[in-house]
């Protein structure tokens, strides 16, 4: 049992690191104006689909059993709205909106499904959310309403995508099918948006890295994890991503690690520990 718990914990850590890496890549590409956001999302999904396509070809006789248009739609909606919203939001505000909505949506879904929040887990949720607030709120200015709504929709879409993954029996094939089906949604959005499709070499490379490296493999791993944990745990562990992204900014983007950032990360990690420590499967 301890081996299974350790293995699951390692998988969760790897997935969260990949999510944070994806956030940093997106920040680099969009904040640096290297590429138009809808084009970034399209290339991100297309490169992810290309990497995962061999999984479908290898199991082509079974693939038709996992074509779920709803999951592909949620994936495309998340990727597109996240990128567009990110242009007008600073990193802290965007992360707070995204993971705040993910947290609320998944916790509510878990409670509706009969999951319970005892005193320890409730305290853990409060501590983790307080840690995120400590990290982000002091830097928050009133965000543009349109961008805030777009990021909220992205958070709800990602929560729906994550919850749907609990029914997956083959994470690799499911994720490959989802990426492949999500590409047409992104292509349609690309033509409908009518945006100036500006890009440069760095933007293309960052979009491909985001899809092929930080998204494709991480989402397969996430779908493998979801059946093993409840919705409350899944939503809470994702609150570590803004902290990891902040730390990555310090290490790779030359940003400063402040005392406030340090204590906020400790609070989030402590809150996550309180939530997961009482669960038998993690």
Protein backbone atom coordinates (compact mmCIF):
# COMPACT_ATOMS: atom_id res chain seq x y z
CA UNK A 1 0.00 0.00 0.00
CA UNK A 2 2.83 2.39 0.87
CA UNK A 3 4.47 1.64 -2.48
CA UNK A 4 1.23 2.51 -4.30
CA UNK A 5 0.87 5.69 -2.25
CA UNK A 6 4.45 6.72 -3.05
CA UNK A 7 4.02 5.96 -6.73
CA UNK A 8 0.82 8.00 -6.88
CA UNK A 9 2.46 10.90 -5.06
CA UNK A 10 5.34 10.88 -7.56
CA UNK A 11 2.90 10.89 -10.48
CA UNK A 12 1.00 13.83 -8.99
CA UNK A 13 4.24 15.78 -8.46
CA UNK A 14 5.33 15.14 -12.05
CA UNK A 15 1.96 16.26 -13.39
CA UNK A 16 1.98 19.45 -11.33
CA UNK A 17 5.53 20.29 -12.44
CA UNK A 18 4.47 19.80 -16.06
CA UNK A 19 1.42 22.03 -15.55
CA UNK A 20 3.67 24.72 -14.08
CA UNK A 21 6.11 24.36 -16.96
CA UNK A 22 3.23 24.81 -19.37
CA UNK A 23 2.22 28.00 -17.57
CA UNK A 24 5.75 29.38 -17.88
CA UNK A 25 5.94 28.53 -21.58
CA UNK A 26 2.59 30.22 -22.18
CA UNK A 27 3.71 33.28 -20.23
CA UNK A 28 6.91 33.53 -22.25
CA UNK A 29 5.12 33.24 -25.58
CA UNK A 30 2.10 35.47 -24.96
CA UNK A 31 3.50 38.11 -22.64
CA UNK A 32 6.46 38.46 -25.00
CA UNK A 33 4.06 38.94 -27.91
CA UNK A 34 5.84 36.20 -29.84
CA UNK A 35 2.61 34.72 -31.14
CA UNK A 36 -1.13 35.40 -31.36
CA UNK A 37 -3.00 33.53 -28.57
CA UNK A 38 -5.46 31.54 -30.70
CA UNK A 39 -2.63 30.45 -32.99
CA UNK A 40 -0.61 29.48 -29.91
CA UNK A 41 -3.47 27.29 -28.68
CA UNK A 42 -3.94 25.72 -32.11
CA UNK A 43 -0.26 24.81 -32.40
CA UNK A 44 -0.27 23.61 -28.80
CA UNK A 45 -3.15 21.19 -29.45
CA UNK A 46 -1.82 20.16 -32.87
CA UNK A 47 1.65 19.32 -31.54
CA UNK A 48 0.13 17.43 -28.63
CA UNK A 49 -2.05 15.44 -31.04
CA UNK A 50 0.97 14.64 -33.21
CA UNK A 51 2.93 13.29 -30.26
CA UNK A 52 0.02 11.19 -29.00
CA UNK A 53 -1.18 9.92 -32.41
CA UNK A 54 0.93 6.71 -32.25
CA UNK A 55 -1.12 5.66 -29.21
CA UNK A 56 -4.27 5.71 -31.33
CA UNK A 57 -2.60 3.94 -34.24
CA UNK A 58 -1.22 1.25 -31.96
CA UNK A 59 -4.68 0.56 -30.51
CA UNK A 60 -6.75 1.51 -33.56
CA UNK A 61 -9.14 -1.43 -33.07
CA UNK A 62 -10.16 -0.05 -29.68
CA UNK A 63 -9.92 3.68 -30.38
CA UNK A 64 -13.53 4.19 -31.40
CA UNK A 65 -14.62 3.24 -27.89
CA UNK A 66 -13.10 6.40 -26.40
CA UNK A 67 -14.05 9.13 -28.88
CA UNK A 68 -15.73 11.58 -26.51
CA UNK A 69 -16.54 14.86 -28.20
CA UNK A 70 -17.41 16.50 -24.88
CA UNK A 71 -13.91 15.95 -23.47
CA UNK A 72 -12.30 17.33 -26.64
CA UNK A 73 -14.57 20.36 -26.45
CA UNK A 74 -13.62 21.03 -22.81
CA UNK A 75 -9.92 20.66 -23.68
CA UNK A 76 -10.16 23.06 -26.62
CA UNK A 77 -12.27 25.53 -24.63
CA UNK A 78 -9.73 25.56 -21.81
CA UNK A 79 -6.73 26.00 -24.12
CA UNK A 80 -8.31 28.75 -26.23
CA UNK A 81 -9.88 30.83 -23.46
CA UNK A 82 -6.81 30.54 -21.24
CA UNK A 83 -4.53 31.88 -23.96
CA UNK A 84 -6.81 34.74 -24.97
CA UNK A 85 -7.45 35.77 -21.36
CA UNK A 86 -3.75 35.64 -20.52
CA UNK A 87 -2.97 38.52 -22.86
CA UNK A 88 -4.83 41.05 -20.69
CA UNK A 89 -4.16 39.55 -17.26
CA UNK A 90 -0.96 39.56 -15.26
CA UNK A 91 0.38 36.16 -14.20
CA UNK A 92 -0.86 36.41 -10.61
CA UNK A 93 -4.39 37.47 -11.45
CA UNK A 94 -4.72 34.86 -14.19
CA UNK A 95 -3.51 32.00 -12.01
CA UNK A 96 -5.77 33.05 -9.13
CA UNK A 97 -8.83 33.17 -11.38
CA UNK A 98 -8.05 29.89 -13.14
CA UNK A 99 -7.28 27.74 -10.13
CA UNK A 100 -9.86 29.43 -7.98
CA UNK A 101 -12.59 28.43 -10.43
CA UNK A 102 -11.09 24.93 -10.80
CA UNK A 103 -11.09 24.56 -7.02
CA UNK A 104 -14.69 25.71 -6.57
CA UNK A 105 -16.01 23.67 -9.50
CA UNK A 106 -14.31 20.41 -8.53
CA UNK A 107 -15.07 20.72 -4.83
CA UNK A 108 -18.75 21.36 -5.57
CA UNK A 109 -18.83 18.42 -7.98
CA UNK A 110 -17.23 16.21 -5.36
CA UNK A 111 -19.71 17.23 -2.69
CA UNK A 112 -22.61 16.57 -5.07
CA UNK A 113 -21.18 13.10 -5.67
CA UNK A 114 -21.15 12.38 -1.96
CA UNK A 115 -17.53 13.15 -1.07
CA UNK A 116 -17.09 14.38 2.48
CA UNK A 117 -15.09 17.20 3.97
CA UNK A 118 -14.11 16.51 7.56
CA UNK A 119 -12.61 19.19 9.81
CA UNK A 120 -9.02 18.36 8.82
CA UNK A 121 -9.70 18.48 5.09
CA UNK A 122 -11.77 21.66 5.43
CA UNK A 123 -8.92 23.34 7.29
CA UNK A 124 -6.53 22.15 4.61
CA UNK A 125 -8.64 23.71 1.87
CA UNK A 126 -8.81 27.01 3.75
CA UNK A 127 -5.05 27.05 4.41
CA UNK A 128 -4.21 26.23 0.77
CA UNK A 129 -6.55 28.90 -0.59
CA UNK A 130 -5.19 31.41 1.92
CA UNK A 131 -1.69 30.59 0.69
CA UNK A 132 -2.70 31.29 -2.90
CA UNK A 133 -4.34 34.54 -1.82
CA UNK A 134 -1.19 35.55 0.07
CA UNK A 135 0.89 34.85 -3.02
CA UNK A 136 -1.32 36.64 -5.53
CA UNK A 137 -3.84 39.05 -4.05
CA UNK A 138 -1.43 41.81 -2.94
CA UNK A 139 -0.35 42.18 -6.57
CA UNK A 140 -3.82 42.03 -8.04
CA UNK A 141 -5.37 45.05 -9.71
CA UNK A 142 -8.91 45.11 -10.97
CA UNK A 143 -8.78 42.82 -14.03
CA UNK A 144 -10.66 43.57 -17.26
CA UNK A 145 -14.10 42.01 -16.87
CA UNK A 146 -13.98 40.27 -20.27
CA UNK A 147 -10.60 38.67 -19.57
CA UNK A 148 -11.66 37.62 -16.09
CA UNK A 149 -14.77 35.93 -17.50
CA UNK A 150 -12.71 34.17 -20.17
CA UNK A 151 -10.29 32.84 -17.55
CA UNK A 152 -13.21 31.73 -15.41
CA UNK A 153 -14.63 29.78 -18.33
CA UNK A 154 -11.20 28.25 -18.92
CA UNK A 155 -11.09 27.13 -15.28
CA UNK A 156 -14.55 25.58 -15.48
CA UNK A 157 -13.62 23.80 -18.72
CA UNK A 158 -10.44 22.37 -17.19
CA UNK A 159 -12.38 21.20 -14.13
CA UNK A 160 -14.93 19.48 -16.39
CA UNK A 161 -12.14 17.89 -18.42
CA UNK A 162 -10.45 16.62 -15.25
CA UNK A 163 -13.65 15.22 -13.77
CA UNK A 164 -14.50 13.45 -17.03
CA UNK A 165 -11.12 11.73 -16.86
CA UNK A 166 -12.24 9.76 -13.83
CA UNK A 167 -14.11 7.40 -16.18
CA UNK A 168 -11.13 6.77 -18.43
CA UNK A 169 -9.85 3.17 -18.58
CA UNK A 170 -7.01 3.95 -21.00
CA UNK A 171 -5.49 7.37 -20.22
CA UNK A 172 -3.12 7.36 -23.19
CA UNK A 173 -5.72 6.53 -25.80
CA UNK A 174 -8.31 8.84 -24.24
CA UNK A 175 -5.94 11.81 -24.16
CA UNK A 176 -4.75 11.14 -27.72
CA UNK A 177 -8.35 11.06 -28.95
CA UNK A 178 -9.17 14.24 -27.03
CA UNK A 179 -6.23 16.16 -28.50
CA UNK A 180 -7.01 14.97 -32.03
CA UNK A 181 -10.68 15.95 -31.73
CA UNK A 182 -9.79 19.29 -30.11
CA UNK A 183 -7.72 20.43 -33.09
CA UNK A 184 -10.73 21.12 -35.37
CA UNK A 185 -12.32 23.25 -32.64
CA UNK A 186 -9.11 25.32 -32.46
CA UNK A 187 -8.82 25.61 -36.24
CA UNK A 188 -12.41 26.87 -36.49
CA UNK A 189 -11.69 29.39 -33.71
CA UNK A 190 -8.56 30.47 -35.59
CA UNK A 191 -10.56 31.37 -38.69
CA UNK A 192 -13.55 32.82 -36.84
CA UNK A 193 -11.47 35.06 -34.55
CA UNK A 194 -10.20 37.18 -37.44
CA UNK A 195 -7.14 38.09 -35.37
CA UNK A 196 -3.85 39.31 -36.73
CA UNK A 197 -1.99 35.99 -36.82
CA UNK A 198 1.39 37.37 -35.90
CA UNK A 199 4.12 34.97 -34.84
CA UNK A 200 7.86 34.53 -34.81
CA UNK A 201 10.24 31.61 -34.43
CA UNK A 202 10.26 31.80 -30.64
CA UNK A 203 6.47 31.79 -30.46
CA UNK A 204 6.18 28.69 -32.63
CA UNK A 205 8.85 26.83 -30.65
CA UNK A 206 7.21 27.74 -27.33
CA UNK A 207 3.77 26.64 -28.58
CA UNK A 208 5.14 23.30 -29.80
CA UNK A 209 7.02 22.76 -26.55
CA UNK A 210 3.85 23.57 -24.63
CA UNK A 211 1.82 21.01 -26.57
CA UNK A 212 4.32 18.24 -27.21
CA UNK A 213 6.21 18.33 -23.92
CA UNK A 214 4.27 20.09 -21.17
CA UNK A 215 0.73 19.17 -22.23
CA UNK A 216 0.53 15.83 -24.03
CA UNK A 217 2.44 13.65 -21.59
CA UNK A 218 1.18 15.53 -18.54
CA UNK A 219 -2.46 15.13 -19.55
CA UNK A 220 -2.02 11.39 -20.08
CA UNK A 221 -0.53 11.21 -16.61
CA UNK A 222 -3.36 13.33 -15.17
CA UNK A 223 -6.01 11.06 -16.67
CA UNK A 224 -4.18 8.08 -15.14
CA UNK A 225 -4.23 9.81 -11.74
CA UNK A 226 -7.84 10.99 -11.72
CA UNK A 227 -9.51 7.57 -11.09
CA UNK A 228 -7.23 7.14 -8.05
CA UNK A 229 -8.18 10.30 -6.17
CA UNK A 230 -11.37 12.17 -5.33
CA UNK A 231 -12.41 15.50 -6.81
CA UNK A 232 -11.54 17.50 -3.68
CA UNK A 233 -8.01 16.11 -3.60
CA UNK A 234 -7.59 16.63 -7.35
CA UNK A 235 -8.65 20.26 -7.11
CA UNK A 236 -6.45 20.96 -4.08
CA UNK A 237 -3.20 19.50 -5.40
CA UNK A 238 -3.55 21.76 -8.46
CA UNK A 239 -3.23 24.77 -6.17
CA UNK A 240 0.48 23.91 -6.07
CA UNK A 241 0.83 24.92 -9.73
CA UNK A 242 0.88 28.73 -9.17
CA UNK A 243 3.53 28.21 -6.50
CA UNK A 244 5.63 26.04 -8.79
CA UNK A 245 5.21 28.52 -11.63
CA UNK A 246 6.33 31.33 -9.33
CA UNK A 247 9.40 29.34 -8.31
CA UNK A 248 10.14 28.62 -11.97
CA UNK A 249 9.95 32.33 -12.64
CA UNK A 250 12.60 32.89 -9.99
CA UNK A 251 14.87 30.19 -11.38
CA UNK A 252 14.46 30.73 -15.12
CA UNK A 253 13.05 34.24 -15.62
CA UNK A 254 15.11 36.16 -13.10
CA UNK A 255 12.16 37.04 -10.86
CA UNK A 256 12.71 37.70 -7.15
CA UNK A 257 11.75 35.27 -4.39
CA UNK A 258 10.24 37.39 -1.62
CA UNK A 259 9.48 36.40 1.95
CA UNK A 260 5.76 36.65 1.17
CA UNK A 261 6.17 34.20 -1.71
CA UNK A 262 8.10 31.77 0.51
CA UNK A 263 5.47 31.71 3.26
CA UNK A 264 2.60 31.48 0.79
CA UNK A 265 4.15 28.38 -0.79
CA UNK A 266 4.59 26.82 2.64
CA UNK A 267 0.91 27.49 3.38
CA UNK A 268 -0.24 25.91 0.13
CA UNK A 269 1.90 22.82 0.67
CA UNK A 270 0.67 22.52 4.25
CA UNK A 271 -2.94 22.83 3.12
CA UNK A 272 -2.48 20.18 0.43
CA UNK A 273 -0.94 17.84 3.01
CA UNK A 274 -3.92 18.28 5.33
CA UNK A 275 -6.34 17.47 2.51
CA UNK A 276 -4.59 14.36 1.21
CA UNK A 277 -3.30 12.84 4.46
CA UNK A 278 -6.68 11.39 5.47
CA UNK A 279 -7.37 9.71 2.15
CA UNK A 280 -6.66 6.01 1.96
CA UNK A 281 -5.66 6.01 -1.69
CA UNK A 282 -3.03 8.73 -1.56
